[in-house]
Amino acid sequence: MRRAEYRLWGAVGLVGLVCLTWLAVAALLLWAVLDPEDWTTVVNALGGRAGLLLFLWGMALIPVHAALNYLINTYVRAPARLAEEAKMRLESKDSRPITPEGSKEIRALAAVINDAIAKRDALFKAMDERVREAARRTEQEKARLAALMSELTKSVVVCNLDGRILLYNNRARMQFKRLSRSGQVTGGSELMGLGRSIYTVLDRKLVGHALENVQRRLKRGAASPSAQFVTATSSGKLLRVQMTPVRAVDEQGESLSDAMTGFVLLTENITDEMRADSEKNRLLSSLTEGSRASLANTRAAIEILEDPEVDDDLREKLLAVIREEVQGLSERIAKLQKTSSEALRSRWPLEDMLGSDLIEAAITRIEAELPVRASVEGDIDTVWLKIESFSLLQGLLHLAGRLHRHCQVRWLSLRLQTQNDRAMLDLLWTPDPDAETEAEMNWENEAITAGEETLAMTLRDVLERHGGDCWIEREENNKDPRCFFRLLLPLAAPQQELPAATFQRHEGRPEFYDFDLFQAANRSRKLDDCPLSELSFTVFDTETTGLNPAGGDEIIQIGAVRIVNGKILGQECFDQLVDPQRPIPRVSIPIHGITPDMVKGQPTIDEVLPAFHAFSSDTVLVAHNAAFDMKCLEVKQDQTGLVFDQPVLDTLLLSALVQENQERHNLDDLAERFGLTILGRHTAIGDAMVTAEILLRLIPLLAEHGIHTLGEALEASRKTYYARVKY
């Protein structure tokens, strides 16, 4: 029952109560002024007719109800509907005139509002024309950059400091589709999308380490710092990643030299490349071993030829030829083996890094992870290394952890020296006489353990990738004999920092972007306390074989679209037919238009629902009449093992909150009131799209009713009449 109906019945009850009160007061006055004999006469005259009086009283309320209903319709409901229509025109920029209804004064007010709408539209049209003219050149630059990014051979992803994606090109979308476990269903959009976290694909620690290196170089005044690394994804693919910073800008638009607002990732899938190189290395190793066997046979032949029975001249000639060929073959095989090993090792990216930066990062990690104090020895500011710093730091942390655990070491020193074309990184400690001896320490050949994480490689594996080595030594002096692990590392040429003017900046819009997400960093508030305008939504709809999901009706289509930062991401949608593995009733086909032939050969719900679960993760679910759609998902929990436990908003309930004076709240009526066109009514993706448009128009209307956050919207929705509907 709507508020106006409560008012109507309240008014009728009030009038009836006033009438009863008047009758009671009249009877009391008669009793007070009449003699007892006259009062007795009146009572006897009424006799058993009191019920008739009550009946007449009730009948009198009927015209009262009709009159009050007319008055409320004319002076309460009509103004309320006018206010709701005006708000919708204001928020949706709908230019349709409002239909006048109600009293003469209200119709006049509607005419004034229609005139204001017409003038507003004329003003907006003139302003839009000016904006389009002013933005024409900017759009040309944006189009150029969009075309440039689409032609790039590398995937480009831009993130804010929280790791939320705010730009990517089509190459990145296609690459992440191949990385997805359900790419044929979702197109990889559960991994690559605006507002999604890059950490669903890349290791958070690895990205964080690269980010620390870039920030450290920024503070040193580098004009164009970068970092690169290789990582394995959850699907088993190998990615080569290069990171560069997105600098912060001041109010004048000038970039700040030492502040970041995000980072750019250039990613390349090198899985096939690494697999091919591994196969090449295997073949080369096989060739090497086979050649060695041939050499052994050749040497055996030489021994035979050295038999004294063989002619001396011929023997010498044959021996000289064989020795020469064997020597040449040995040299070629050795060279081929060396080339193969170097080629395989070169695939692992080594970056130039200042030795002091590596030492500083190592000390920070050791002291953060272990109850050990670390310090640096000597001057290391001029030493440049060519290393893969993440794995190397993990290896140093592994050694420090072993020293602390097995030798009770609480103080460590790090020293970096150079010798010829190599750098020597020493990890020094003072040994305990009762602890393990150097001969018992074989930790460089153990799997690296850093904190709670164990890597699938040893420190020696890491150093072999660098073309280096590792051993343990003892240095003797009169006072304090010390032991140290020595890591042999390659040197790099000192870097010359280029001036900022060397790098030309380009501005414009790539294919998929939302730079407003730069402002979304550091939001850690509780979800219920987040404003609706800041949330990410997945708006979805289902088409089914019938209206009784608990009784066996199946999903035959799921459509969904994402809303991030108040924008509908039309490029990131989910639209998938589902084989229900049961007949589709003929009576439902004219409604949704899905025939048995259309779902034949499509994925089953066991394949589609996990893909949709991944697509909608980390968002608020939204649907129109969500109770039905959520019931369709709920009945599949036991079958798929998936639970959609995120918050759910229903545009049906939200509309009833802000448009309580409207008679109907179905999808068609809402679309008409907001001036929206439904493309593909009763298709899952078409209904999801229009529901998303309706949600964006409802959010400012909810704010006018004091509903700003998700928690407030959920609480208010539960109190509506439509929330009682169950499926």
Foldseek 3Di string as FASTA:
>chain_A
DFPLVVVLVVVLVVVLVVVVVVVVVVLVVCVVPDDPVVNVVVCVVCPPVVVVVVVVSVVVSVVVSVVSVLVCVQPPLQVLLLVLLLLLCVLLVDLDQDDHDHDPVSSVVSVVSNVVSVVVNVVVVVVVVVVCVVCVVQQVLQVVVQVVQQPDPWWKFWAFPQQFTFDTFPNNLQVQLVVDPQSVFQSNLLQDDGRDHVCLWFPPVLVVVQVVQQLVVLVVQFQWDKAWFWDAGPSGWIKIKMKTFAFDADPVRHGDRRHGLIIMITIDTCRVVLVVLVVVLVVLVVVLVVVVVVLVVLVVVLVVLPPPVHDPVVSVVVNVVSVVVSVVSVVVSVVSNVVSLLVSLVVGAWAKDQPVVLVVVLQVLLVVQHQAHEEEDDDRRQFIFGANRPVLSLQSLQVSVCCCVQFVFRYWYWYWDDDDQKIKIKIKTFGDPPTDDQVPDPQQQDFRDHRPDTHPGGNQVRLVSQVKGKGKDWDDDDPTIMIIIIIIGGTDDDDDRDDNVVDDDRDHHHDGRDVVCSVVPPPDDDQQFDFPLQFKEKQKDWFWLDQCLVVLIATQWIKIWMAHNLDTDPVRIGIFGAQSVDARDPVCCVQQVDHNVNRVPGHHCLSNVVVVCSSGPRGEYEYALVQRVVVNVVVCCVVNVDDPPHHYAHLQLLCCVLSVSDDDRDLVVLCVSSVHDQDRHNRTNSRRVSRSVSVSSSSVSVVVVVQTGNNSRVVSSCPDPVVVDHD
